[in-house]
Amino acid sequence: MRGLHAEDWPMARKAACLPKGTRISDYVTLGVLTATVPGDLIDAVLSDTGKQSQRYRQLPARLVVYYGAT
């Protein structure tokens, strides 16, 4: 059985568009981001760049990254 690959699918003939008056932020939520971008990855990037939380606060660095992405 062959696997599915992107190159096996035809290109869309019409560009995808949002309904008039709709913003992409109406569809992208914090839940979508946390499901797509694992917290461990964000923590690793924050650690590698020296930007991790120095102490625990009400708004940890990981949540600031998610907030900035939304």
PDB file of N, CA and C in Angstrom:
ATOM      1  N   MET A   1       0.842  -1.178   0.000  1.00  0.00           N
ATOM      2  CA  MET A   1       0.000   0.000   0.000  1.00  0.00           C
ATOM      3  C   MET A   1       0.887   1.241   0.000  1.00  0.00           C
ATOM      4  N   ARG A   2       0.590   2.161  -0.871  1.00  0.00           N
ATOM      5  CA  ARG A   2       1.360   3.395  -1.001  1.00  0.00           C
ATOM      6  C   ARG A   2       0.938   4.417   0.031  1.00  0.00           C
ATOM      7  N   GLY A   3       1.899   5.175   0.563  1.00  0.00           N
ATOM      8  CA  GLY A   3       1.576   6.254   1.495  1.00  0.00           C
ATOM      9  C   GLY A   3       1.067   7.476   0.749  1.00  0.00           C
ATOM     10  N   LEU A   4       0.407   8.326   1.450  1.00  0.00           N
ATOM     11  CA  LEU A   4      -0.087   9.563   0.861  1.00  0.00           C
ATOM     12  C   LEU A   4       0.986  10.632   0.959  1.00  0.00           C
ATOM     13  N   HIS A   5       1.247  11.286  -0.134  1.00  0.00           N
ATOM     14  CA  HIS A   5       2.241  12.353  -0.185  1.00  0.00           C
ATOM     15  C   HIS A   5       1.619  13.582  -0.818  1.00  0.00           C
ATOM     16  N   ALA A   6       2.082  14.754  -0.413  1.00  0.00           N
ATOM     17  CA  ALA A   6       1.532  16.011  -0.924  1.00  0.00           C
ATOM     18  C   ALA A   6       1.634  16.089  -2.436  1.00  0.00           C
ATOM     19  N   GLU A   7       2.725  15.582  -2.988  1.00  0.00           N
ATOM     20  CA  GLU A   7       2.903  15.680  -4.441  1.00  0.00           C
ATOM     21  C   GLU A   7       1.927  14.801  -5.219  1.00  0.00           C
ATOM     22  N   ASP A   8       1.254  13.876  -4.552  1.00  0.00           N
ATOM     23  CA  ASP A   8       0.266  13.020  -5.202  1.00  0.00           C
ATOM     24  C   ASP A   8      -1.085  13.714  -5.382  1.00  0.00           C
ATOM     25  N   TRP A   9      -1.289  14.843  -4.707  1.00  0.00           N
ATOM     26  CA  TRP A   9      -2.557  15.547  -4.759  1.00  0.00           C
ATOM     27  C   TRP A   9      -2.464  16.710  -5.733  1.00  0.00           C
ATOM     28  N   PRO A  10      -3.509  16.943  -6.516  1.00  0.00           N
ATOM     29  CA  PRO A  10      -3.483  18.079  -7.449  1.00  0.00           C
ATOM     30  C   PRO A  10      -3.538  19.407  -6.696  1.00  0.00           C
ATOM     31  N   MET A  11      -2.978  20.421  -7.285  1.00  0.00           N
ATOM     32  CA  MET A  11      -3.007  21.757  -6.691  1.00  0.00           C
ATOM     33  C   MET A  11      -4.422  22.320  -6.751  1.00  0.00           C
ATOM     34  N   ALA A  12      -4.765  23.097  -5.761  1.00  0.00           N
ATOM     35  CA  ALA A  12      -6.072  23.749  -5.748  1.00  0.00           C
ATOM     36  C   ALA A  12      -6.124  24.768  -6.886  1.00  0.00           C
ATOM     37  N   ARG A  13      -7.244  24.877  -7.528  1.00  0.00           N
ATOM     38  CA  ARG A  13      -7.385  25.822  -8.635  1.00  0.00           C
ATOM     39  C   ARG A  13      -7.812  27.203  -8.136  1.00  0.00           C
ATOM     40  N   LYS A  14      -8.330  27.276  -6.933  1.00  0.00           N
ATOM     41  CA  LYS A  14      -8.807  28.534  -6.389  1.00  0.00           C
ATOM     42  C   LYS A  14      -8.148  28.754  -5.029  1.00  0.00           C
ATOM     43  N   ALA A  15      -7.665  29.946  -4.825  1.00  0.00           N
ATOM     44  CA  ALA A  15      -7.028  30.265  -3.542  1.00  0.00           C
ATOM     45  C   ALA A  15      -8.052  30.201  -2.417  1.00  0.00           C
ATOM     46  N   ALA A  16      -7.608  29.705  -1.261  1.00  0.00           N
ATOM     47  CA  ALA A  16      -8.487  29.659  -0.096  1.00  0.00           C
ATOM     48  C   ALA A  16      -8.664  31.072   0.443  1.00  0.00           C
ATOM     49  N   CYS A  17      -9.871  31.406   0.796  1.00  0.00           N
ATOM     50  CA  CYS A  17     -10.178  32.743   1.319  1.00  0.00           C
ATOM     51  C   CYS A  17     -11.058  32.620   2.548  1.00  0.00           C
ATOM     52  N   LEU A  18     -10.912  33.584   3.428  1.00  0.00           N
ATOM     53  CA  LEU A  18     -11.790  33.665   4.591  1.00  0.00           C
ATOM     54  C   LEU A  18     -13.047  34.422   4.202  1.00  0.00           C
ATOM     55  N   PRO A  19     -14.161  34.128   4.864  1.00  0.00           N
ATOM     56  CA  PRO A  19     -15.374  34.894   4.581  1.00  0.00           C
ATOM     57  C   PRO A  19     -15.145  36.386   4.852  1.00  0.00           C
ATOM     58  N   LYS A  20     -15.839  37.222   4.119  1.00  0.00           N
ATOM     59  CA  LYS A  20     -15.682  38.671   4.255  1.00  0.00           C
ATOM     60  C   LYS A  20     -15.937  39.115   5.697  1.00  0.00           C
ATOM     61  N   GLY A  21     -15.051  39.962   6.207  1.00  0.00           N
ATOM     62  CA  GLY A  21     -15.175  40.470   7.562  1.00  0.00           C
ATOM     63  C   GLY A  21     -14.616  39.541   8.631  1.00  0.00           C
ATOM     64  N   THR A  22     -13.994  38.435   8.222  1.00  0.00           N
ATOM     65  CA  THR A  22     -13.440  37.476   9.163  1.00  0.00           C
ATOM     66  C   THR A  22     -11.926  37.651   9.241  1.00  0.00           C
ATOM     67  N   ARG A  23     -11.401  37.557  10.454  1.00  0.00           N
ATOM     68  CA  ARG A  23      -9.952  37.634  10.649  1.00  0.00           C
ATOM     69  C   ARG A  23      -9.419  36.232  10.914  1.00  0.00           C
ATOM     70  N   ILE A  24      -8.164  35.995  10.542  1.00  0.00           N
ATOM     71  CA  ILE A  24      -7.555  34.693  10.796  1.00  0.00           C
ATOM     72  C   ILE A  24      -7.544  34.405  12.288  1.00  0.00           C
ATOM     73  N   SER A  25      -7.434  35.449  13.112  1.00  0.00           N
ATOM     74  CA  SER A  25      -7.419  35.253  14.563  1.00  0.00           C
ATOM     75  C   SER A  25      -8.759  34.734  15.084  1.00  0.00           C
ATOM     76  N   ASP A  26      -9.813  34.827  14.294  1.00  0.00           N
ATOM     77  CA  ASP A  26     -11.094  34.254  14.696  1.00  0.00           C
ATOM     78  C   ASP A  26     -11.038  32.725  14.679  1.00  0.00           C
ATOM     79  N   TYR A  27     -10.079  32.164  13.954  1.00  0.00           N
ATOM     80  CA  TYR A  27      -9.953  30.718  13.816  1.00  0.00           C
ATOM     81  C   TYR A  27      -8.760  30.145  14.562  1.00  0.00           C
ATOM     82  N   VAL A  28      -7.703  30.928  14.720  1.00  0.00           N
ATOM     83  CA  VAL A  28      -6.506  30.452  15.410  1.00  0.00           C
ATOM     84  C   VAL A  28      -6.664  30.775  16.893  1.00  0.00           C
ATOM     85  N   THR A  29      -6.689  29.757  17.702  1.00  0.00           N
ATOM     86  CA  THR A  29      -6.874  29.950  19.138  1.00  0.00           C
ATOM     87  C   THR A  29      -5.671  29.397  19.887  1.00  0.00           C
ATOM     88  N   LEU A  30      -5.617  29.683  21.166  1.00  0.00           N
ATOM     89  CA  LEU A  30      -4.540  29.173  21.994  1.00  0.00           C
ATOM     90  C   LEU A  30      -4.543  27.646  22.005  1.00  0.00           C
ATOM     91  N   GLY A  31      -5.714  27.053  21.985  1.00  0.00           N
ATOM     92  CA  GLY A  31      -5.814  25.591  21.947  1.00  0.00           C
ATOM     93  C   GLY A  31      -5.190  24.996  20.706  1.00  0.00           C
ATOM     94  N   VAL A  32      -5.389  25.648  19.561  1.00  0.00           N
ATOM     95  CA  VAL A  32      -4.785  25.173  18.308  1.00  0.00           C
ATOM     96  C   VAL A  32      -3.267  25.283  18.394  1.00  0.00           C
ATOM     97  N   LEU A  33      -2.770  26.390  18.926  1.00  0.00           N
ATOM     98  CA  LEU A  33      -1.325  26.567  19.040  1.00  0.00           C
ATOM     99  C   LEU A  33      -0.701  25.555  19.988  1.00  0.00           C
ATOM    100  N   THR A  34      -1.325  25.326  21.150  1.00  0.00           N
ATOM    101  CA  THR A  34      -0.746  24.378  22.096  1.00  0.00           C
ATOM    102  C   THR A  34      -0.790  22.950  21.566  1.00  0.00           C
ATOM    103  N   ALA A  35      -1.756  22.645  20.714  1.00  0.00           N
ATOM    104  CA  ALA A  35      -1.819  21.318  20.108  1.00  0.00           C
ATOM    105  C   ALA A  35      -0.799  21.173  18.979  1.00  0.00           C
ATOM    106  N   THR A  36      -0.460  22.273  18.330  1.00  0.00           N
ATOM    107  CA  THR A  36       0.445  22.244  17.188  1.00  0.00           C
ATOM    108  C   THR A  36       1.898  22.424  17.595  1.00  0.00           C
ATOM    109  N   VAL A  37       2.144  23.335  18.527  1.00  0.00           N
ATOM    110  CA  VAL A  37       3.506  23.639  18.968  1.00  0.00           C
ATOM    111  C   VAL A  37       3.640  23.164  20.415  1.00  0.00           C
ATOM    112  N   PRO A  38       4.363  22.064  20.631  1.00  0.00           N
ATOM    113  CA  PRO A  38       4.471  21.523  21.991  1.00  0.00           C
ATOM    114  C   PRO A  38       5.203  22.468  22.944  1.00  0.00           C
ATOM    115  N   GLY A  39       4.748  22.492  24.180  1.00  0.00           N
ATOM    116  CA  GLY A  39       5.364  23.336  25.192  1.00  0.00           C
ATOM    117  C   GLY A  39       6.835  23.022  25.415  1.00  0.00           C
ATOM    118  N   ASP A  40       7.200  21.739  25.296  1.00  0.00           N
ATOM    119  CA  ASP A  40       8.605  21.353  25.467  1.00  0.00           C
ATOM    120  C   ASP A  40       9.501  22.015  24.417  1.00  0.00           C
ATOM    121  N   LEU A  41       8.982  22.169  23.205  1.00  0.00           N
ATOM    122  CA  LEU A  41       9.744  22.837  22.147  1.00  0.00           C
ATOM    123  C   LEU A  41       9.941  24.313  22.491  1.00  0.00           C
ATOM    124  N   ILE A  42       8.902  24.959  22.948  1.00  0.00           N
ATOM    125  CA  ILE A  42       9.017  26.368  23.329  1.00  0.00           C
ATOM    126  C   ILE A  42       9.999  26.516  24.482  1.00  0.00           C
ATOM    127  N   ASP A  43       9.903  25.626  25.474  1.00  0.00           N
ATOM    128  CA  ASP A  43      10.825  25.683  26.606  1.00  0.00           C
ATOM    129  C   ASP A  43      12.274  25.501  26.149  1.00  0.00           C
ATOM    130  N   ALA A  44      12.506  24.595  25.212  1.00  0.00           N
ATOM    131  CA  ALA A  44      13.863  24.360  24.700  1.00  0.00           C
ATOM    132  C   ALA A  44      14.397  25.591  23.977  1.00  0.00           C
ATOM    133  N   VAL A  45      13.564  26.234  23.164  1.00  0.00           N
ATOM    134  CA  VAL A  45      13.988  27.438  22.440  1.00  0.00           C
ATOM    135  C   VAL A  45      14.265  28.574  23.425  1.00  0.00           C
ATOM    136  N   LEU A  46      13.397  28.736  24.401  1.00  0.00           N
ATOM    137  CA  LEU A  46      13.622  29.768  25.409  1.00  0.00           C
ATOM    138  C   LEU A  46      14.921  29.518  26.163  1.00  0.00           C
ATOM    139  N   SER A  47      15.194  28.266  26.481  1.00  0.00           N
ATOM    140  CA  SER A  47      16.429  27.914  27.186  1.00  0.00           C
ATOM    141  C   SER A  47      17.656  28.167  26.310  1.00  0.00           C
ATOM    142  N   ASP A  48      17.582  27.748  25.037  1.00  0.00           N
ATOM    143  CA  ASP A  48      18.707  27.940  24.109  1.00  0.00           C
ATOM    144  C   ASP A  48      19.025  29.410  23.882  1.00  0.00           C
ATOM    145  N   THR A  49      18.017  30.253  23.944  1.00  0.00           N
ATOM    146  CA  THR A  49      18.228  31.683  23.709  1.00  0.00           C
ATOM    147  C   THR A  49      18.432  32.464  25.011  1.00  0.00           C
ATOM    148  N   GLY A  50      18.393  31.766  26.146  1.00  0.00           N
ATOM    149  CA  GLY A  50      18.593  32.416  27.434  1.00  0.00           C
ATOM    150  C   GLY A  50      17.428  33.290  27.859  1.00  0.00           C
ATOM    151  N   LYS A  51      16.239  33.012  27.348  1.00  0.00           N
ATOM    152  CA  LYS A  51      15.069  33.845  27.639  1.00  0.00           C
ATOM    153  C   LYS A  51      14.035  33.129  28.503  1.00  0.00           C
ATOM    154  N   GLN A  52      14.419  32.007  29.118  1.00  0.00           N
ATOM    155  CA  GLN A  52      13.469  31.291  29.962  1.00  0.00           C
ATOM    156  C   GLN A  52      13.175  32.105  31.222  1.00  0.00           C
ATOM    157  N   SER A  53      12.099  31.749  31.893  1.00  0.00           N
ATOM    158  CA  SER A  53      11.711  32.459  33.111  1.00  0.00           C
ATOM    159  C   SER A  53      12.800  32.300  34.166  1.00  0.00           C
ATOM    160  N   GLN A  54      13.146  33.395  34.815  1.00  0.00           N
ATOM    161  CA  GLN A  54      14.120  33.353  35.894  1.00  0.00           C
ATOM    162  C   GLN A  54      13.467  32.875  37.187  1.00  0.00           C
ATOM    163  N   ARG A  55      12.196  33.158  37.349  1.00  0.00           N
ATOM    164  CA  ARG A  55      11.420  32.698  38.494  1.00  0.00           C
ATOM    165  C   ARG A  55       9.974  32.532  38.020  1.00  0.00           C
ATOM    166  N   TYR A  56       9.210  31.750  38.751  1.00  0.00           N
ATOM    167  CA  TYR A  56       7.837  31.491  38.353  1.00  0.00           C
ATOM    168  C   TYR A  56       6.964  32.704  38.672  1.00  0.00           C
ATOM    169  N   ARG A  57       6.235  33.164  37.693  1.00  0.00           N
ATOM    170  CA  ARG A  57       5.321  34.295  37.858  1.00  0.00           C
ATOM    171  C   ARG A  57       3.942  33.886  37.370  1.00  0.00           C
ATOM    172  N   GLN A  58       3.019  34.836  37.429  1.00  0.00           N
ATOM    173  CA  GLN A  58       1.661  34.537  36.984  1.00  0.00           C
ATOM    174  C   GLN A  58       1.596  34.286  35.481  1.00  0.00           C
ATOM    175  N   LEU A  59       2.517  34.871  34.721  1.00  0.00           N
ATOM    176  CA  LEU A  59       2.541  34.688  33.275  1.00  0.00           C
ATOM    177  C   LEU A  59       3.932  34.196  32.859  1.00  0.00           C
ATOM    178  N   PRO A  60       4.128  32.870  32.850  1.00  0.00           N
ATOM    179  CA  PRO A  60       5.438  32.311  32.495  1.00  0.00           C
ATOM    180  C   PRO A  60       5.819  32.618  31.049  1.00  0.00           C
ATOM    181  N   ALA A  61       7.109  32.525  30.767  1.00  0.00           N
ATOM    182  CA  ALA A  61       7.637  32.839  29.431  1.00  0.00           C
ATOM    183  C   ALA A  61       6.952  32.014  28.343  1.00  0.00           C
ATOM    184  N   ARG A  62       6.657  30.758  28.619  1.00  0.00           N
ATOM    185  CA  ARG A  62       6.004  29.901  27.620  1.00  0.00           C
ATOM    186  C   ARG A  62       4.668  30.505  27.189  1.00  0.00           C
ATOM    187  N   LEU A  63       3.887  30.993  28.138  1.00  0.00           N
ATOM    188  CA  LEU A  63       2.597  31.581  27.801  1.00  0.00           C
ATOM    189  C   LEU A  63       2.746  32.895  27.051  1.00  0.00           C
ATOM    190  N   VAL A  64       3.803  33.633  27.341  1.00  0.00           N
ATOM    191  CA  VAL A  64       4.057  34.871  26.612  1.00  0.00           C
ATOM    192  C   VAL A  64       4.316  34.551  25.141  1.00  0.00           C
ATOM    193  N   VAL A  65       5.039  33.466  24.875  1.00  0.00           N
ATOM    194  CA  VAL A  65       5.301  33.051  23.481  1.00  0.00           C
ATOM    195  C   VAL A  65       3.990  32.688  22.789  1.00  0.00           C
ATOM    196  N   TYR A  66       3.154  31.887  23.447  1.00  0.00           N
ATOM    197  CA  TYR A  66       1.858  31.538  22.860  1.00  0.00           C
ATOM    198  C   TYR A  66       1.023  32.793  22.619  1.00  0.00           C
ATOM    199  N   TYR A  67       1.017  33.704  23.583  1.00  0.00           N
ATOM    200  CA  TYR A  67       0.245  34.939  23.442  1.00  0.00           C
ATOM    201  C   TYR A  67       0.744  35.754  22.248  1.00  0.00           C
ATOM    202  N   GLY A  68       2.054  35.852  22.112  1.00  0.00           N
ATOM    203  CA  GLY A  68       2.618  36.597  20.982  1.00  0.00           C
ATOM    204  C   GLY A  68       2.306  35.952  19.633  1.00  0.00           C
ATOM    205  N   ALA A  69       2.190  34.647  19.623  1.00  0.00           N
ATOM    206  CA  ALA A  69       1.887  33.927  18.371  1.00  0.00           C
ATOM    207  C   ALA A  69       0.433  34.104  17.961  1.00  0.00           C
ATOM    208  N   THR A  70      -0.437  34.363  18.942  1.00  0.00           N
ATOM    209  CA  THR A  70      -1.849  34.547  18.597  1.00  0.00           C
ATOM    210  C   THR A  70      -2.050  35.979  18.264  1.00  0.00           C
TER     211      THR A  70
END
